[in-house]
Amino acid sequence: MSTPTIKSATASDEAAVIAAVTLAFSTDPVVRWIYPNPQQYLTAMPLLVKAVGGKAVTHGSAYYVEGYAGAALWLPPDVHPNAEELSAVIQRTVAERERGALPAIAEQRGKYHPTEPYWDLRYIGVEAIHQGHGYGAALMQHALRVCDQDQRLAYLESSNPRNLSLYSRCGFELLGTIQAGGSPPLFPMLRKPR
């Protein structure tokens, strides 16, 4: 198997990268708990991805597999999602029942975030028809080289337990479990630089 080509996304790639993440997360337990209706998911997920991880493109820390089979959106240290945009997307697109659990989830998430500056993996995913070719691992390793060069922590919250083994192989350690209001679990994980 050949090594996948990983590219840095520019503004002209943003829509394709968001589409790649949207397709990759179509069976994600947490995301589909938030957006159980397919039409709702396909309409709202691109808005959520842009609000949560869109700054990765402007900071040069959004990566994709050539052909957009998969993508990863990393926020650099001290860069955070657009809170105002995120709040507006949640208010417009998330049903009241799920929206009611989000403050408790956010509170739990805050307990696991590192206190020192860190690289924050907001999304990484490979479209189902392209899985099993090493694209996810290649995307992860590409970004982790930057974390290691910067000597910074890397943090993520896995919304799919199937991905925990990949993250563990990449050096991430499980910190705990986040869950509220009937949500599927989120798994906060931290990796020290090498």
Protein backbone atom coordinates (compact mmCIF):
# COMPACT_ATOMS: atom_id res chain seq x y z
CA MET A 1 0.00 0.00 0.00
CA SER A 2 1.41 3.40 -0.96
CA THR A 3 1.67 6.25 1.51
CA PRO A 4 -1.26 8.67 1.09
CA THR A 5 -0.47 12.23 0.07
CA ILE A 6 -1.52 14.69 2.77
CA LYS A 7 -2.03 18.32 1.80
CA SER A 8 -2.67 21.50 3.77
CA ALA A 9 -6.07 23.01 3.04
CA THR A 10 -6.39 26.57 1.79
CA ALA A 11 -9.49 28.73 1.56
CA SER A 12 -10.27 27.20 -1.84
CA ASP A 13 -10.32 23.71 -0.21
CA GLU A 14 -12.56 24.66 2.71
CA ALA A 15 -15.88 23.48 1.25
CA ALA A 16 -14.38 20.16 0.11
CA VAL A 17 -12.73 19.58 3.50
CA ILE A 18 -16.00 20.32 5.32
CA ALA A 19 -17.79 17.91 2.95
CA ALA A 20 -15.17 15.23 3.67
CA VAL A 21 -15.66 15.61 7.42
CA THR A 22 -19.44 15.61 7.01
CA LEU A 23 -19.32 12.33 5.07
CA ALA A 24 -16.83 10.79 7.51
CA PHE A 25 -19.04 11.54 10.52
CA SER A 26 -22.30 10.24 9.01
CA THR A 27 -22.28 7.22 11.36
CA ASP A 28 -20.61 8.86 14.35
CA PRO A 29 -22.52 8.01 17.56
CA VAL A 30 -22.36 11.46 19.19
CA VAL A 31 -22.98 13.49 16.04
CA ARG A 32 -25.93 11.32 15.02
CA TRP A 33 -27.35 11.60 18.55
CA ILE A 34 -27.28 15.37 18.02
CA TYR A 35 -28.64 15.10 14.46
CA PRO A 36 -30.62 11.83 14.18
CA ASN A 37 -32.62 12.85 11.10
CA PRO A 38 -30.61 12.39 7.85
CA GLN A 39 -31.83 15.62 6.27
CA GLN A 40 -31.16 17.52 9.49
CA TYR A 41 -27.67 16.00 9.61
CA LEU A 42 -26.80 16.84 6.01
CA THR A 43 -28.03 20.41 6.43
CA ALA A 44 -26.58 21.15 9.87
CA MET A 45 -23.31 19.20 10.05
CA PRO A 46 -21.39 21.39 7.56
CA LEU A 47 -22.41 24.45 9.60
CA LEU A 48 -21.24 22.78 12.81
CA VAL A 49 -17.91 21.70 11.28
CA LYS A 50 -17.23 25.24 10.06
CA ALA A 51 -18.13 26.78 13.44
CA VAL A 52 -16.07 24.28 15.44
CA GLY A 53 -13.08 23.72 13.19
CA GLY A 54 -13.18 26.33 10.44
CA LYS A 55 -10.34 28.35 11.95
CA ALA A 56 -8.02 25.44 11.16
CA VAL A 57 -8.14 26.44 7.50
CA THR A 58 -7.19 30.07 8.20
CA HIS A 59 -4.37 28.96 10.52
CA GLY A 60 -2.91 26.43 8.09
CA SER A 61 -3.73 23.45 10.32
CA ALA A 62 -6.43 21.77 8.22
CA TYR A 63 -5.19 18.75 6.30
CA TYR A 64 -6.74 16.42 3.77
CA VAL A 65 -5.93 13.26 1.90
CA GLU A 66 -5.42 13.99 -1.78
CA GLY A 67 -8.84 13.63 -3.40
CA TYR A 68 -10.61 14.62 -0.14
CA ALA A 69 -11.12 11.03 1.03
CA GLY A 70 -10.52 12.27 4.57
CA ALA A 71 -9.60 15.38 6.50
CA ALA A 72 -8.37 16.62 9.87
CA LEU A 73 -9.04 20.00 11.45
CA TRP A 74 -6.60 21.01 14.19
CA LEU A 75 -6.80 24.25 16.13
CA PRO A 76 -3.37 25.62 17.10
CA PRO A 77 -2.57 26.55 20.71
CA ASP A 78 -4.75 29.38 22.01
CA VAL A 79 -7.08 29.27 18.97
CA HIS A 80 -10.67 28.33 19.79
CA PRO A 81 -13.87 27.71 17.84
CA ASN A 82 -15.97 30.72 16.92
CA ALA A 83 -18.16 30.74 20.05
CA GLU A 84 -20.78 33.11 18.66
CA GLU A 85 -21.14 31.17 15.41
CA LEU A 86 -21.21 27.85 17.28
CA SER A 87 -23.92 29.04 19.65
CA ALA A 88 -26.03 30.26 16.73
CA VAL A 89 -25.65 26.94 14.88
CA ILE A 90 -26.61 24.96 17.99
CA GLN A 91 -29.65 27.14 18.65
CA ARG A 92 -30.84 26.82 15.04
CA THR A 93 -30.08 23.17 14.36
CA VAL A 94 -30.08 21.07 17.55
CA ALA A 95 -33.37 19.82 18.99
CA GLU A 96 -34.28 21.01 22.47
CA ARG A 97 -33.85 17.57 24.09
CA GLU A 98 -30.24 17.19 22.92
CA ARG A 99 -29.50 20.87 23.36
CA GLY A 100 -30.49 20.53 27.03
CA ALA A 101 -27.62 18.07 27.66
CA LEU A 102 -24.96 20.23 26.00
CA PRO A 103 -24.19 22.50 29.00
CA ALA A 104 -23.46 19.46 31.22
CA ILE A 105 -21.28 17.98 28.48
CA ALA A 106 -19.43 21.29 28.08
CA GLU A 107 -18.84 21.47 31.83
CA GLN A 108 -17.36 17.96 31.88
CA ARG A 109 -15.23 18.72 28.81
CA GLY A 110 -13.72 21.71 30.57
CA LYS A 111 -12.36 19.47 33.33
CA TYR A 112 -10.17 17.57 30.87
CA HIS A 113 -8.74 20.37 28.75
CA PRO A 114 -5.04 20.97 29.44
CA THR A 115 -4.13 24.14 31.30
CA GLU A 116 -1.06 24.78 29.14
CA PRO A 117 -1.29 25.65 25.42
CA TYR A 118 -2.09 22.62 23.24
CA TRP A 119 -3.01 21.52 19.73
CA ASP A 120 -6.72 20.65 19.63
CA LEU A 121 -7.94 18.04 17.16
CA ARG A 122 -11.50 19.09 16.45
CA TYR A 123 -12.26 16.63 13.63
CA ILE A 124 -10.52 13.79 11.87
CA GLY A 125 -12.33 11.41 9.61
CA VAL A 126 -12.21 9.31 6.48
CA GLU A 127 -15.24 8.65 4.32
CA ALA A 128 -16.54 5.08 4.83
CA ILE A 129 -15.71 3.92 1.29
CA HIS A 130 -12.07 4.98 1.79
CA GLN A 131 -11.51 3.52 5.26
CA GLY A 132 -8.96 0.79 5.81
CA HIS A 133 -6.29 2.35 3.57
CA GLY A 134 -4.29 4.10 6.31
CA TYR A 135 -5.64 7.57 5.55
CA GLY A 136 -6.67 8.30 9.14
CA ALA A 137 -3.28 7.26 10.50
CA ALA A 138 -1.51 9.32 7.82
CA LEU A 139 -3.59 12.40 8.66
CA MET A 140 -2.84 11.93 12.34
CA GLN A 141 0.90 11.40 11.91
CA HIS A 142 1.17 14.42 9.62
CA ALA A 143 -0.26 16.74 12.27
CA LEU A 144 1.51 15.10 15.21
CA ARG A 145 4.86 15.94 13.63
CA VAL A 146 3.90 19.61 14.04
CA CYS A 147 2.89 19.04 17.67
CA ASP A 148 6.22 17.34 18.34
CA GLN A 149 8.23 20.08 16.59
CA ASP A 150 6.39 22.68 18.71
CA GLN A 151 6.84 20.52 21.82
CA ARG A 152 3.13 20.98 22.58
CA LEU A 153 0.48 18.68 23.94
CA ALA A 154 -2.16 17.31 21.58
CA TYR A 155 -5.73 16.92 22.83
CA LEU A 156 -8.80 15.30 21.30
CA GLU A 157 -12.23 14.03 22.26
CA SER A 158 -13.14 10.83 20.46
CA SER A 159 -16.83 10.59 19.73
CA ASN A 160 -16.49 7.04 18.44
CA PRO A 161 -15.08 4.24 20.63
CA ARG A 162 -13.89 2.40 17.48
CA ASN A 163 -11.21 5.07 17.03
CA LEU A 164 -9.64 4.73 20.48
CA SER A 165 -7.15 2.10 19.32
CA LEU A 166 -5.84 4.36 16.52
CA TYR A 167 -5.42 7.24 18.95
CA SER A 168 -3.70 4.99 21.49
CA ARG A 169 -1.27 3.75 18.83
CA CYS A 170 -0.46 7.40 18.10
CA GLY A 171 0.45 8.02 21.74
CA PHE A 172 -2.80 9.43 23.14
CA GLU A 173 -3.83 8.41 26.65
CA LEU A 174 -7.46 8.14 27.71
CA LEU A 175 -8.34 10.65 30.44
CA GLY A 176 -11.91 9.61 31.24
CA THR A 177 -15.44 9.58 29.86
CA ILE A 178 -17.85 12.46 29.22
CA GLN A 179 -21.58 11.74 29.08
CA ALA A 180 -24.82 13.51 29.97
CA GLY A 181 -28.54 13.40 29.27
CA GLY A 182 -28.57 10.13 27.37
CA SER A 183 -25.71 11.12 25.06
CA PRO A 184 -23.25 8.54 23.80
CA PRO A 185 -19.87 8.85 25.55
CA LEU A 186 -17.05 11.16 24.52
CA PHE A 187 -13.52 10.07 25.34
CA PRO A 188 -11.03 12.87 26.13
CA MET A 189 -7.46 11.92 25.26
CA LEU A 190 -4.09 13.63 25.66
CA ARG A 191 -0.72 13.10 23.99
CA LYS A 192 2.58 14.45 25.24
CA PRO A 193 5.07 15.67 22.64
CA ARG A 194 7.86 13.34 21.61
